Amino acid sequence: ASAIALELSNIKTPRPMTHDLIINIINNLNISVDNIEINDIKDNTFYAIINIKNKDKKIIKIDSRPSDAIATAVRIKCDIFVAEHVLESGGLKIQSIDEEVKKFNEFLNHIEPEDFKFNE
């Protein structure tokens, strides 16, 4: 968590952290991180995969702890995907864009100017 927070806060450490080392290795081997996936949860343990693309554009899946995968992803700014069943296990429901638009339209249809407060 601290590695993620440091990167999001744009704080540089005097020496490379583990995730910086991973990225240095990836860059020096001429490969790239395509994306990461938080792909499973079993017995309250989350699982992740770092998808690395080699020079032949083949994807190599590397098993990872989610925290390490996310810390790597925020450093290189790649996509982070989470499997739907993982989100749902945490109580999060994925809603379609149509559902979100419908809810927002419903909100707009019932809002009145009096609902807003203005500082005078």
PDB file of N, CA and C in Angstrom:
ATOM      1  N   ALA A   1       0.829  -1.196   0.000  1.00  0.00           N
ATOM      2  CA  ALA A   1       0.000   0.000   0.000  1.00  0.00           C
ATOM      3  C   ALA A   1       0.871   1.256   0.000  1.00  0.00           C
ATOM      4  N   SER A   2       1.966   1.217   0.726  1.00  0.00           N
ATOM      5  CA  SER A   2       2.831   2.402   0.772  1.00  0.00           C
ATOM      6  C   SER A   2       3.462   2.667  -0.593  1.00  0.00           C
ATOM      7  N   ALA A   3       3.794   1.612  -1.326  1.00  0.00           N
ATOM      8  CA  ALA A   3       4.375   1.785  -2.661  1.00  0.00           C
ATOM      9  C   ALA A   3       3.374   2.453  -3.603  1.00  0.00           C
ATOM     10  N   ILE A   4       2.107   2.089  -3.475  1.00  0.00           N
ATOM     11  CA  ILE A   4       1.058   2.695  -4.298  1.00  0.00           C
ATOM     12  C   ILE A   4       0.889   4.158  -3.901  1.00  0.00           C
ATOM     13  N   ALA A   5       0.811   4.417  -2.601  1.00  0.00           N
ATOM     14  CA  ALA A   5       0.630   5.788  -2.111  1.00  0.00           C
ATOM     15  C   ALA A   5       1.792   6.690  -2.519  1.00  0.00           C
ATOM     16  N   LEU A   6       3.006   6.179  -2.427  1.00  0.00           N
ATOM     17  CA  LEU A   6       4.175   6.975  -2.826  1.00  0.00           C
ATOM     18  C   LEU A   6       4.080   7.382  -4.292  1.00  0.00           C
ATOM     19  N   GLU A   7       3.716   6.435  -5.137  1.00  0.00           N
ATOM     20  CA  GLU A   7       3.632   6.736  -6.570  1.00  0.00           C
ATOM     21  C   GLU A   7       2.497   7.705  -6.859  1.00  0.00           C
ATOM     22  N   LEU A   8       1.335   7.489  -6.249  1.00  0.00           N
ATOM     23  CA  LEU A   8       0.202   8.380  -6.487  1.00  0.00           C
ATOM     24  C   LEU A   8       0.480   9.791  -5.971  1.00  0.00           C
ATOM     25  N   SER A   9       1.327   9.894  -4.957  1.00  0.00           N
ATOM     26  CA  SER A   9       1.702  11.203  -4.405  1.00  0.00           C
ATOM     27  C   SER A   9       2.910  11.800  -5.119  1.00  0.00           C
ATOM     28  N   ASN A  10       3.423  11.067  -6.094  1.00  0.00           N
ATOM     29  CA  ASN A  10       4.580  11.507  -6.882  1.00  0.00           C
ATOM     30  C   ASN A  10       5.824  11.727  -6.013  1.00  0.00           C
ATOM     31  N   ILE A  11       5.993  10.863  -5.018  1.00  0.00           N
ATOM     32  CA  ILE A  11       7.159  10.926  -4.135  1.00  0.00           C
ATOM     33  C   ILE A  11       8.185   9.910  -4.624  1.00  0.00           C
ATOM     34  N   LYS A  12       9.387  10.376  -4.861  1.00  0.00           N
ATOM     35  CA  LYS A  12      10.455   9.497  -5.339  1.00  0.00           C
ATOM     36  C   LYS A  12      11.319   9.052  -4.166  1.00  0.00           C
ATOM     37  N   THR A  13      11.699   7.777  -4.188  1.00  0.00           N
ATOM     38  CA  THR A  13      12.562   7.236  -3.139  1.00  0.00           C
ATOM     39  C   THR A  13      14.015   7.321  -3.598  1.00  0.00           C
ATOM     40  N   PRO A  14      14.950   7.380  -2.644  1.00  0.00           N
ATOM     41  CA  PRO A  14      16.356   7.505  -3.034  1.00  0.00           C
ATOM     42  C   PRO A  14      16.888   6.280  -3.780  1.00  0.00           C
ATOM     43  N   ARG A  15      16.334   5.126  -3.505  1.00  0.00           N
ATOM     44  CA  ARG A  15      16.745   3.884  -4.170  1.00  0.00           C
ATOM     45  C   ARG A  15      15.501   3.206  -4.732  1.00  0.00           C
ATOM     46  N   PRO A  16      15.652   2.391  -5.767  1.00  0.00           N
ATOM     47  CA  PRO A  16      14.483   1.727  -6.364  1.00  0.00           C
ATOM     48  C   PRO A  16      13.788   0.788  -5.375  1.00  0.00           C
ATOM     49  N   MET A  17      12.466   0.874  -5.371  1.00  0.00           N
ATOM     50  CA  MET A  17      11.673  -0.079  -4.602  1.00  0.00           C
ATOM     51  C   MET A  17      11.493  -1.326  -5.470  1.00  0.00           C
ATOM     52  N   THR A  18      10.934  -2.366  -4.885  1.00  0.00           N
ATOM     53  CA  THR A  18      10.753  -3.630  -5.608  1.00  0.00           C
ATOM     54  C   THR A  18      10.017  -3.422  -6.927  1.00  0.00           C
ATOM     55  N   HIS A  19       8.982  -2.600  -6.910  1.00  0.00           N
ATOM     56  CA  HIS A  19       8.182  -2.388  -8.119  1.00  0.00           C
ATOM     57  C   HIS A  19       8.961  -1.602  -9.165  1.00  0.00           C
ATOM     58  N   ASP A  20       9.820  -0.709  -8.699  1.00  0.00           N
ATOM     59  CA  ASP A  20      10.702   0.001  -9.633  1.00  0.00           C
ATOM     60  C   ASP A  20      11.685  -0.976 -10.274  1.00  0.00           C
ATOM     61  N   LEU A  21      12.173  -1.904  -9.480  1.00  0.00           N
ATOM     62  CA  LEU A  21      13.084  -2.932  -9.982  1.00  0.00           C
ATOM     63  C   LEU A  21      12.399  -3.769 -11.056  1.00  0.00           C
ATOM     64  N   ILE A  22      11.159  -4.169 -10.795  1.00  0.00           N
ATOM     65  CA  ILE A  22      10.395  -4.956 -11.773  1.00  0.00           C
ATOM     66  C   ILE A  22      10.293  -4.184 -13.087  1.00  0.00           C
ATOM     67  N   ILE A  23       9.962  -2.919 -12.996  1.00  0.00           N
ATOM     68  CA  ILE A  23       9.811  -2.100 -14.199  1.00  0.00           C
ATOM     69  C   ILE A  23      11.150  -1.922 -14.913  1.00  0.00           C
ATOM     70  N   ASN A  24      12.219  -1.737 -14.157  1.00  0.00           N
ATOM     71  CA  ASN A  24      13.551  -1.631 -14.774  1.00  0.00           C
ATOM     72  C   ASN A  24      13.916  -2.907 -15.527  1.00  0.00           C
ATOM     73  N   ILE A  25      13.603  -4.050 -14.944  1.00  0.00           N
ATOM     74  CA  ILE A  25      13.871  -5.331 -15.611  1.00  0.00           C
ATOM     75  C   ILE A  25      13.050  -5.433 -16.893  1.00  0.00           C
ATOM     76  N   ILE A  26      11.759  -5.120 -16.792  1.00  0.00           N
ATOM     77  CA  ILE A  26      10.870  -5.183 -17.959  1.00  0.00           C
ATOM     78  C   ILE A  26      11.390  -4.276 -19.074  1.00  0.00           C
ATOM     79  N   ASN A  27      11.734  -3.054 -18.724  1.00  0.00           N
ATOM     80  CA  ASN A  27      12.225  -2.100 -19.737  1.00  0.00           C
ATOM     81  C   ASN A  27      13.531  -2.559 -20.369  1.00  0.00           C
ATOM     82  N   ASN A  28      14.435  -3.102 -19.571  1.00  0.00           N
ATOM     83  CA  ASN A  28      15.729  -3.539 -20.099  1.00  0.00           C
ATOM     84  C   ASN A  28      15.635  -4.816 -20.927  1.00  0.00           C
ATOM     85  N   LEU A  29      14.578  -5.585 -20.733  1.00  0.00           N
ATOM     86  CA  LEU A  29      14.377  -6.793 -21.535  1.00  0.00           C
ATOM     87  C   LEU A  29      13.560  -6.507 -22.795  1.00  0.00           C
ATOM     88  N   ASN A  30      13.217  -5.244 -23.001  1.00  0.00           N
ATOM     89  CA  ASN A  30      12.438  -4.851 -24.177  1.00  0.00           C
ATOM     90  C   ASN A  30      11.079  -5.535 -24.245  1.00  0.00           C
ATOM     91  N   ILE A  31      10.443  -5.669 -23.117  1.00  0.00           N
ATOM     92  CA  ILE A  31       9.080  -6.183 -23.051  1.00  0.00           C
ATOM     93  C   ILE A  31       8.234  -5.101 -22.390  1.00  0.00           C
ATOM     94  N   SER A  32       6.925  -5.295 -22.333  1.00  0.00           N
ATOM     95  CA  SER A  32       6.075  -4.269 -21.734  1.00  0.00           C
ATOM     96  C   SER A  32       4.935  -4.914 -20.958  1.00  0.00           C
ATOM     97  N   VAL A  33       4.424  -4.171 -20.000  1.00  0.00           N
ATOM     98  CA  VAL A  33       3.236  -4.622 -19.274  1.00  0.00           C
ATOM     99  C   VAL A  33       2.039  -4.135 -20.071  1.00  0.00           C
ATOM    100  N   ASP A  34       1.211  -5.069 -20.514  1.00  0.00           N
ATOM    101  CA  ASP A  34       0.025  -4.732 -21.293  1.00  0.00           C
ATOM    102  C   ASP A  34      -1.078  -4.221 -20.372  1.00  0.00           C
ATOM    103  N   ASN A  35      -1.338  -4.965 -19.299  1.00  0.00           N
ATOM    104  CA  ASN A  35      -2.341  -4.599 -18.304  1.00  0.00           C
ATOM    105  C   ASN A  35      -2.210  -5.535 -17.117  1.00  0.00           C
ATOM    106  N   ILE A  36      -2.990  -5.264 -16.099  1.00  0.00           N
ATOM    107  CA  ILE A  36      -3.067  -6.215 -14.993  1.00  0.00           C
ATOM    108  C   ILE A  36      -4.525  -6.587 -14.785  1.00  0.00           C
ATOM    109  N   GLU A  37      -4.719  -7.761 -14.217  1.00  0.00           N
ATOM    110  CA  GLU A  37      -6.063  -8.244 -13.926  1.00  0.00           C
ATOM    111  C   GLU A  37      -6.130  -8.679 -12.467  1.00  0.00           C
ATOM    112  N   ILE A  38      -7.121  -8.185 -11.757  1.00  0.00           N
ATOM    113  CA  ILE A  38      -7.463  -8.760 -10.457  1.00  0.00           C
ATOM    114  C   ILE A  38      -8.515  -9.794 -10.839  1.00  0.00           C
ATOM    115  N   ASN A  39      -8.099 -11.039 -10.908  1.00  0.00           N
ATOM    116  CA  ASN A  39      -8.910 -12.031 -11.612  1.00  0.00           C
ATOM    117  C   ASN A  39      -9.647 -13.033 -10.740  1.00  0.00           C
ATOM    118  N   ASP A  40      -9.341 -13.086  -9.447  1.00  0.00           N
ATOM    119  CA  ASP A  40     -10.029 -14.094  -8.636  1.00  0.00           C
ATOM    120  C   ASP A  40      -9.951 -13.744  -7.158  1.00  0.00           C
ATOM    121  N   ILE A  41     -10.837 -14.370  -6.410  1.00  0.00           N
ATOM    122  CA  ILE A  41     -10.806 -14.311  -4.955  1.00  0.00           C
ATOM    123  C   ILE A  41     -11.188 -15.696  -4.446  1.00  0.00           C
ATOM    124  N   LYS A  42     -10.350 -16.229  -3.568  1.00  0.00           N
ATOM    125  CA  LYS A  42     -10.596 -17.545  -2.979  1.00  0.00           C
ATOM    126  C   LYS A  42     -10.244 -17.461  -1.507  1.00  0.00           C
ATOM    127  N   ASP A  43     -11.160 -17.904  -0.662  1.00  0.00           N
ATOM    128  CA  ASP A  43     -10.923 -17.893   0.786  1.00  0.00           C
ATOM    129  C   ASP A  43     -10.439 -16.524   1.261  1.00  0.00           C
ATOM    130  N   ASN A  44     -11.103 -15.483   0.808  1.00  0.00           N
ATOM    131  CA  ASN A  44     -10.786 -14.095   1.173  1.00  0.00           C
ATOM    132  C   ASN A  44      -9.395 -13.641   0.738  1.00  0.00           C
ATOM    133  N   THR A  45      -8.807 -14.329  -0.225  1.00  0.00           N
ATOM    134  CA  THR A  45      -7.514 -13.936  -0.776  1.00  0.00           C
ATOM    135  C   THR A  45      -7.713 -13.550  -2.239  1.00  0.00           C
ATOM    136  N   PHE A  46      -7.254 -12.352  -2.586  1.00  0.00           N
ATOM    137  CA  PHE A  46      -7.360 -11.877  -3.962  1.00  0.00           C
ATOM    138  C   PHE A  46      -6.165 -12.367  -4.771  1.00  0.00           C
ATOM    139  N   TYR A  47      -6.400 -12.571  -6.066  1.00  0.00           N
ATOM    140  CA  TYR A  47      -5.367 -13.027  -6.990  1.00  0.00           C
ATOM    141  C   TYR A  47      -5.283 -12.052  -8.158  1.00  0.00           C
ATOM    142  N   ALA A  48      -4.085 -11.919  -8.690  1.00  0.00           N
ATOM    143  CA  ALA A  48      -3.892 -11.012  -9.823  1.00  0.00           C
ATOM    144  C   ALA A  48      -2.930 -11.619 -10.831  1.00  0.00           C
ATOM    145  N   ILE A  49      -2.994 -11.066 -12.021  1.00  0.00           N
ATOM    146  CA  ILE A  49      -2.099 -11.461 -13.106  1.00  0.00           C
ATOM    147  C   ILE A  49      -1.535 -10.183 -13.725  1.00  0.00           C
ATOM    148  N   ILE A  50      -0.241 -10.190 -13.963  1.00  0.00           N
ATOM    149  CA  ILE A  50       0.390  -9.124 -14.741  1.00  0.00           C
ATOM    150  C   ILE A  50       0.566  -9.676 -16.148  1.00  0.00           C
ATOM    151  N   ASN A  51      -0.063  -9.029 -17.118  1.00  0.00           N
ATOM    152  CA  ASN A  51       0.035  -9.462 -18.512  1.00  0.00           C
ATOM    153  C   ASN A  51       1.178  -8.716 -19.178  1.00  0.00           C
ATOM    154  N   ILE A  52       2.227  -9.464 -19.487  1.00  0.00           N
ATOM    155  CA  ILE A  52       3.425  -8.897 -20.102  1.00  0.00           C
ATOM    156  C   ILE A  52       3.437  -9.264 -21.580  1.00  0.00           C
ATOM    157  N   LYS A  53       3.738  -8.275 -22.414  1.00  0.00           N
ATOM    158  CA  LYS A  53       3.798  -8.495 -23.861  1.00  0.00           C
ATOM    159  C   LYS A  53       5.263  -8.563 -24.270  1.00  0.00           C
ATOM    160  N   ASN A  54       5.624  -9.687 -24.919  1.00  0.00           N
ATOM    161  CA  ASN A  54       7.017  -9.815 -25.366  1.00  0.00           C
ATOM    162  C   ASN A  54       7.192  -9.149 -26.733  1.00  0.00           C
ATOM    163  N   LYS A  55       8.412  -9.214 -27.258  1.00  0.00           N
ATOM    164  CA  LYS A  55       8.702  -8.525 -28.525  1.00  0.00           C
ATOM    165  C   LYS A  55       7.919  -9.094 -29.699  1.00  0.00           C
ATOM    166  N   ASP A  56       7.419 -10.343 -29.562  1.00  0.00           N
ATOM    167  CA  ASP A  56       6.602 -10.954 -30.609  1.00  0.00           C
ATOM    168  C   ASP A  56       5.117 -10.672 -30.408  1.00  0.00           C
ATOM    169  N   LYS A  57       4.800  -9.785 -29.456  1.00  0.00           N
ATOM    170  CA  LYS A  57       3.423  -9.388 -29.131  1.00  0.00           C
ATOM    171  C   LYS A  57       2.635 -10.503 -28.449  1.00  0.00           C
ATOM    172  N   LYS A  58       3.325 -11.538 -27.978  1.00  0.00           N
ATOM    173  CA  LYS A  58       2.675 -12.621 -27.250  1.00  0.00           C
ATOM    174  C   LYS A  58       2.497 -12.177 -25.794  1.00  0.00           C
ATOM    175  N   ILE A  59       1.321 -12.472 -25.234  1.00  0.00           N
ATOM    176  CA  ILE A  59       1.041 -12.119 -23.838  1.00  0.00           C
ATOM    177  C   ILE A  59       1.489 -13.257 -22.931  1.00  0.00           C
ATOM    178  N   ILE A  60       2.275 -12.898 -21.946  1.00  0.00           N
ATOM    179  CA  ILE A  60       2.737 -13.848 -20.930  1.00  0.00           C
ATOM    180  C   ILE A  60       2.076 -13.442 -19.623  1.00  0.00           C
ATOM    181  N   LYS A  61       1.363 -14.387 -19.006  1.00  0.00           N
ATOM    182  CA  LYS A  61       0.640 -14.107 -17.766  1.00  0.00           C
ATOM    183  C   LYS A  61       1.519 -14.466 -16.570  1.00  0.00           C
ATOM    184  N   ILE A  62       1.734 -13.487 -15.696  1.00  0.00           N
ATOM    185  CA  ILE A  62       2.566 -13.679 -14.515  1.00  0.00           C
ATOM    186  C   ILE A  62       1.686 -13.571 -13.276  1.00  0.00           C
ATOM    187  N   ASP A  63       1.662 -14.620 -12.466  1.00  0.00           N
ATOM    188  CA  ASP A  63       0.906 -14.614 -11.219  1.00  0.00           C
ATOM    189  C   ASP A  63       1.493 -13.560 -10.284  1.00  0.00           C
ATOM    190  N   SER A  64       0.623 -12.837  -9.591  1.00  0.00           N
ATOM    191  CA  SER A  64       1.096 -11.749  -8.743  1.00  0.00           C
ATOM    192  C   SER A  64       0.130 -11.505  -7.594  1.00  0.00           C
ATOM    193  N   ARG A  65       0.650 -10.923  -6.530  1.00  0.00           N
ATOM    194  CA  ARG A  65      -0.247 -10.408  -5.500  1.00  0.00           C
ATOM    195  C   ARG A  65      -0.884  -9.148  -6.075  1.00  0.00           C
ATOM    196  N   PRO A  66      -2.158  -8.914  -5.791  1.00  0.00           N
ATOM    197  CA  PRO A  66      -2.801  -7.707  -6.320  1.00  0.00           C
ATOM    198  C   PRO A  66      -2.071  -6.416  -5.943  1.00  0.00           C
ATOM    199  N   SER A  67      -1.575  -6.334  -4.726  1.00  0.00           N
ATOM    200  CA  SER A  67      -0.889  -5.102  -4.309  1.00  0.00           C
ATOM    201  C   SER A  67       0.351  -4.848  -5.160  1.00  0.00           C
ATOM    202  N   ASP A  68       1.098  -5.893  -5.480  1.00  0.00           N
ATOM    203  CA  ASP A  68       2.283  -5.733  -6.331  1.00  0.00           C
ATOM    204  C   ASP A  68       1.886  -5.371  -7.760  1.00  0.00           C
ATOM    205  N   ALA A  69       0.838  -6.016  -8.253  1.00  0.00           N
ATOM    206  CA  ALA A  69       0.371  -5.728  -9.611  1.00  0.00           C
ATOM    207  C   ALA A  69      -0.114  -4.285  -9.719  1.00  0.00           C
ATOM    208  N   ILE A  70      -0.873  -3.831  -8.730  1.00  0.00           N
ATOM    209  CA  ILE A  70      -1.390  -2.458  -8.752  1.00  0.00           C
ATOM    210  C   ILE A  70      -0.247  -1.456  -8.609  1.00  0.00           C
ATOM    211  N   ALA A  71       0.687  -1.731  -7.710  1.00  0.00           N
ATOM    212  CA  ALA A  71       1.836  -0.831  -7.537  1.00  0.00           C
ATOM    213  C   ALA A  71       2.625  -0.712  -8.838  1.00  0.00           C
ATOM    214  N   THR A  72       2.750  -1.807  -9.559  1.00  0.00           N
ATOM    215  CA  THR A  72       3.434  -1.781 -10.855  1.00  0.00           C
ATOM    216  C   THR A  72       2.608  -0.992 -11.869  1.00  0.00           C
ATOM    217  N   ALA A  73       1.304  -1.246 -11.891  1.00  0.00           N
ATOM    218  CA  ALA A  73       0.423  -0.585 -12.860  1.00  0.00           C
ATOM    219  C   ALA A  73       0.394   0.930 -12.685  1.00  0.00           C
ATOM    220  N   VAL A  74       0.360   1.401 -11.439  1.00  0.00           N
ATOM    221  CA  VAL A  74       0.307   2.857 -11.252  1.00  0.00           C
ATOM    222  C   VAL A  74       1.621   3.514 -11.669  1.00  0.00           C
ATOM    223  N   ARG A  75       2.706   2.782 -11.592  1.00  0.00           N
ATOM    224  CA  ARG A  75       3.995   3.341 -12.012  1.00  0.00           C
ATOM    225  C   ARG A  75       4.083   3.467 -13.533  1.00  0.00           C
ATOM    226  N   ILE A  76       3.553   2.481 -14.239  1.00  0.00           N
ATOM    227  CA  ILE A  76       3.658   2.530 -15.701  1.00  0.00           C
ATOM    228  C   ILE A  76       2.368   3.009 -16.365  1.00  0.00           C
ATOM    229  N   LYS A  77       1.363   3.252 -15.536  1.00  0.00           N
ATOM    230  CA  LYS A  77       0.089   3.794 -16.012  1.00  0.00           C
ATOM    231  C   LYS A  77      -0.587   2.891 -17.043  1.00  0.00           C
ATOM    232  N   CYS A  78      -0.656   1.608 -16.708  1.00  0.00           N
ATOM    233  CA  CYS A  78      -1.360   0.673 -17.591  1.00  0.00           C
ATOM    234  C   CYS A  78      -2.764   0.414 -17.038  1.00  0.00           C
ATOM    235  N   ASP A  79      -3.580  -0.240 -17.847  1.00  0.00           N
ATOM    236  CA  ASP A  79      -4.947  -0.549 -17.444  1.00  0.00           C
ATOM    237  C   ASP A  79      -4.972  -1.576 -16.319  1.00  0.00           C
ATOM    238  N   ILE A  80      -5.961  -1.416 -15.445  1.00  0.00           N
ATOM    239  CA  ILE A  80      -6.213  -2.364 -14.360  1.00  0.00           C
ATOM    240  C   ILE A  80      -7.631  -2.879 -14.559  1.00  0.00           C
ATOM    241  N   PHE A  81      -7.762  -4.194 -14.738  1.00  0.00           N
ATOM    242  CA  PHE A  81      -9.066  -4.813 -14.915  1.00  0.00           C
ATOM    243  C   PHE A  81      -9.395  -5.653 -13.688  1.00  0.00           C
ATOM    244  N   VAL A  82     -10.678  -5.671 -13.325  1.00  0.00           N
ATOM    245  CA  VAL A  82     -11.128  -6.482 -12.195  1.00  0.00           C
ATOM    246  C   VAL A  82     -12.275  -7.353 -12.688  1.00  0.00           C
ATOM    247  N   ALA A  83     -12.171  -8.651 -12.439  1.00  0.00           N
ATOM    248  CA  ALA A  83     -13.217  -9.583 -12.861  1.00  0.00           C
ATOM    249  C   ALA A  83     -14.524  -9.243 -12.149  1.00  0.00           C
ATOM    250  N   GLU A  84     -15.615  -9.385 -12.864  1.00  0.00           N
ATOM    251  CA  GLU A  84     -16.928  -9.036 -12.316  1.00  0.00           C
ATOM    252  C   GLU A  84     -17.224  -9.799 -11.031  1.00  0.00           C
ATOM    253  N   HIS A  85     -16.905 -11.097 -10.997  1.00  0.00           N
ATOM    254  CA  HIS A  85     -17.217 -11.877  -9.792  1.00  0.00           C
ATOM    255  C   HIS A  85     -16.388 -11.421  -8.593  1.00  0.00           C
ATOM    256  N   VAL A  86     -15.222 -10.842  -8.852  1.00  0.00           N
ATOM    257  CA  VAL A  86     -14.399 -10.309  -7.759  1.00  0.00           C
ATOM    258  C   VAL A  86     -15.056  -9.051  -7.192  1.00  0.00           C
ATOM    259  N   LEU A  87     -15.526  -8.171  -8.066  1.00  0.00           N
ATOM    260  CA  LEU A  87     -16.227  -6.970  -7.606  1.00  0.00           C
ATOM    261  C   LEU A  87     -17.481  -7.334  -6.830  1.00  0.00           C
ATOM    262  N   GLU A  88     -18.233  -8.287  -7.365  1.00  0.00           N
ATOM    263  CA  GLU A  88     -19.478  -8.675  -6.713  1.00  0.00           C
ATOM    264  C   GLU A  88     -19.233  -9.320  -5.357  1.00  0.00           C
ATOM    265  N   SER A  89     -18.132 -10.038  -5.219  1.00  0.00           N
ATOM    266  CA  SER A  89     -17.835 -10.670  -3.930  1.00  0.00           C
ATOM    267  C   SER A  89     -17.556  -9.619  -2.861  1.00  0.00           C
ATOM    268  N   GLY A  90     -17.135  -8.437  -3.300  1.00  0.00           N
ATOM    269  CA  GLY A  90     -16.898  -7.337  -2.374  1.00  0.00           C
ATOM    270  C   GLY A  90     -18.128  -6.471  -2.184  1.00  0.00           C
ATOM    271  N   GLY A  91     -19.242  -6.904  -2.746  1.00  0.00           N
ATOM    272  CA  GLY A  91     -20.480  -6.160  -2.588  1.00  0.00           C
ATOM    273  C   GLY A  91     -20.685  -5.078  -3.633  1.00  0.00           C
ATOM    274  N   LEU A  92     -19.817  -5.010  -4.620  1.00  0.00           N
ATOM    275  CA  LEU A  92     -19.959  -4.013  -5.677  1.00  0.00           C
ATOM    276  C   LEU A  92     -20.684  -4.636  -6.859  1.00  0.00           C
ATOM    277  N   LYS A  93     -21.669  -3.940  -7.359  1.00  0.00           N
ATOM    278  CA  LYS A  93     -22.415  -4.414  -8.515  1.00  0.00           C
ATOM    279  C   LYS A  93     -22.032  -3.578  -9.728  1.00  0.00           C
ATOM    280  N   ILE A  94     -21.773  -4.255 -10.810  1.00  0.00           N
ATOM    281  CA  ILE A  94     -21.457  -3.556 -12.050  1.00  0.00           C
ATOM    282  C   ILE A  94     -22.771  -3.205 -12.726  1.00  0.00           C
ATOM    283  N   GLN A  95     -22.944  -1.935 -13.007  1.00  0.00           N
ATOM    284  CA  GLN A  95     -24.154  -1.494 -13.681  1.00  0.00           C
ATOM    285  C   GLN A  95     -23.793  -1.079 -15.093  1.00  0.00           C
ATOM    286  N   SER A  96     -24.706  -1.352 -15.978  1.00  0.00           N
ATOM    287  CA  SER A  96     -24.442  -0.966 -17.358  1.00  0.00           C
ATOM    288  C   SER A  96     -24.519   0.550 -17.487  1.00  0.00           C
ATOM    289  N   ILE A  97     -23.947   1.052 -18.542  1.00  0.00           N
ATOM    290  CA  ILE A  97     -23.995   2.491 -18.792  1.00  0.00           C
ATOM    291  C   ILE A  97     -25.440   2.936 -18.934  1.00  0.00           C
ATOM    292  N   ASP A  98     -26.278   2.115 -19.573  1.00  0.00           N
ATOM    293  CA  ASP A  98     -27.688   2.462 -19.734  1.00  0.00           C
ATOM    294  C   ASP A  98     -28.365   2.648 -18.384  1.00  0.00           C
ATOM    295  N   GLU A  99     -28.050   1.781 -17.423  1.00  0.00           N
ATOM    296  CA  GLU A  99     -28.630   1.909 -16.087  1.00  0.00           C
ATOM    297  C   GLU A  99     -28.178   3.197 -15.425  1.00  0.00           C
ATOM    298  N   GLU A 100     -26.910   3.528 -15.575  1.00  0.00           N
ATOM    299  CA  GLU A 100     -26.381   4.762 -14.984  1.00  0.00           C
ATOM    300  C   GLU A 100     -27.038   5.985 -15.622  1.00  0.00           C
ATOM    301  N   VAL A 101     -27.186   5.973 -16.937  1.00  0.00           N
ATOM    302  CA  VAL A 101     -27.820   7.092 -17.638  1.00  0.00           C
ATOM    303  C   VAL A 101     -29.269   7.220 -17.196  1.00  0.00           C
ATOM    304  N   LYS A 102     -29.955   6.101 -17.062  1.00  0.00           N
ATOM    305  CA  LYS A 102     -31.351   6.117 -16.620  1.00  0.00           C
ATOM    306  C   LYS A 102     -31.467   6.727 -15.225  1.00  0.00           C
ATOM    307  N   LYS A 103     -30.584   6.313 -14.312  1.00  0.00           N
ATOM    308  CA  LYS A 103     -30.608   6.870 -12.954  1.00  0.00           C
ATOM    309  C   LYS A 103     -30.329   8.368 -12.969  1.00  0.00           C
ATOM    310  N   PHE A 104     -29.369   8.792 -13.779  1.00  0.00           N
ATOM    311  CA  PHE A 104     -29.029  10.212 -13.840  1.00  0.00           C
ATOM    312  C   PHE A 104     -30.186  11.010 -14.432  1.00  0.00           C
ATOM    313  N   ASN A 105     -30.821  10.490 -15.482  1.00  0.00           N
ATOM    314  CA  ASN A 105     -31.981  11.168 -16.063  1.00  0.00           C
ATOM    315  C   ASN A 105     -33.110  11.284 -15.054  1.00  0.00           C
ATOM    316  N   GLU A 106     -33.319  10.239 -14.286  1.00  0.00           N
ATOM    317  CA  GLU A 106     -34.346  10.262 -13.238  1.00  0.00           C
ATOM    318  C   GLU A 106     -34.030  11.359 -12.219  1.00  0.00           C
ATOM    319  N   PHE A 107     -32.777  11.454 -11.838  1.00  0.00           N
ATOM    320  CA  PHE A 107     -32.336  12.501 -10.917  1.00  0.00           C
ATOM    321  C   PHE A 107     -32.613  13.882 -11.514  1.00  0.00           C
ATOM    322  N   LEU A 108     -32.232  14.068 -12.779  1.00  0.00           N
ATOM    323  CA  LEU A 108     -32.428  15.367 -13.425  1.00  0.00           C
ATOM    324  C   LEU A 108     -33.902  15.727 -13.559  1.00  0.00           C
ATOM    325  N   ASN A 109     -34.748  14.737 -13.776  1.00  0.00           N
ATOM    326  CA  ASN A 109     -36.180  14.991 -13.928  1.00  0.00           C
ATOM    327  C   ASN A 109     -36.838  15.448 -12.633  1.00  0.00           C
ATOM    328  N   HIS A 110     -36.219  15.153 -11.517  1.00  0.00           N
ATOM    329  CA  HIS A 110     -36.829  15.480 -10.225  1.00  0.00           C
ATOM    330  C   HIS A 110     -36.086  16.563  -9.452  1.00  0.00           C
ATOM    331  N   ILE A 111     -35.084  17.141 -10.036  1.00  0.00           N
ATOM    332  CA  ILE A 111     -34.316  18.167  -9.324  1.00  0.00           C
ATOM    333  C   ILE A 111     -34.984  19.531  -9.512  1.00  0.00           C
ATOM    334  N   GLU A 112     -34.961  20.314  -8.467  1.00  0.00           N
ATOM    335  CA  GLU A 112     -35.548  21.649  -8.475  1.00  0.00           C
ATOM    336  C   GLU A 112     -34.468  22.672  -8.145  1.00  0.00           C
ATOM    337  N   PRO A 113     -34.622  23.900  -8.596  1.00  0.00           N
ATOM    338  CA  PRO A 113     -33.631  24.932  -8.251  1.00  0.00           C
ATOM    339  C   PRO A 113     -33.439  25.083  -6.743  1.00  0.00           C
ATOM    340  N   GLU A 114     -34.495  24.823  -5.982  1.00  0.00           N
ATOM    341  CA  GLU A 114     -34.409  24.949  -4.528  1.00  0.00           C
ATOM    342  C   GLU A 114     -33.491  23.891  -3.907  1.00  0.00           C
ATOM    343  N   ASP A 115     -33.180  22.850  -4.675  1.00  0.00           N
ATOM    344  CA  ASP A 115     -32.300  21.796  -4.169  1.00  0.00           C
ATOM    345  C   ASP A 115     -30.847  22.262  -4.069  1.00  0.00           C
ATOM    346  N   PHE A 116     -30.539  23.376  -4.694  1.00  0.00           N
ATOM    347  CA  PHE A 116     -29.173  23.893  -4.678  1.00  0.00           C
ATOM    348  C   PHE A 116     -29.049  25.013  -3.657  1.00  0.00           C
ATOM    349  N   LYS A 117     -27.922  25.043  -2.979  1.00  0.00           N
ATOM    350  CA  LYS A 117     -27.643  26.124  -2.038  1.00  0.00           C
ATOM    351  C   LYS A 117     -26.532  26.971  -2.635  1.00  0.00           C
ATOM    352  N   PHE A 118     -26.682  28.250  -2.490  1.00  0.00           N
ATOM    353  CA  PHE A 118     -25.679  29.162  -3.023  1.00  0.00           C
ATOM    354  C   PHE A 118     -25.090  29.978  -1.890  1.00  0.00           C
ATOM    355  N   ASN A 119     -23.802  30.175  -1.924  1.00  0.00           N
ATOM    356  CA  ASN A 119     -23.150  31.047  -0.947  1.00  0.00           C
ATOM    357  C   ASN A 119     -23.314  32.487  -1.411  1.00  0.00           C
ATOM    358  N   GLU A 120     -23.768  33.307  -0.519  1.00  0.00           N
ATOM    359  CA  GLU A 120     -23.955  34.716  -0.892  1.00  0.00           C
ATOM    360  C   GLU A 120     -22.989  35.589  -0.170  1.00  0.00           C
TER     361      GLU A 120
END
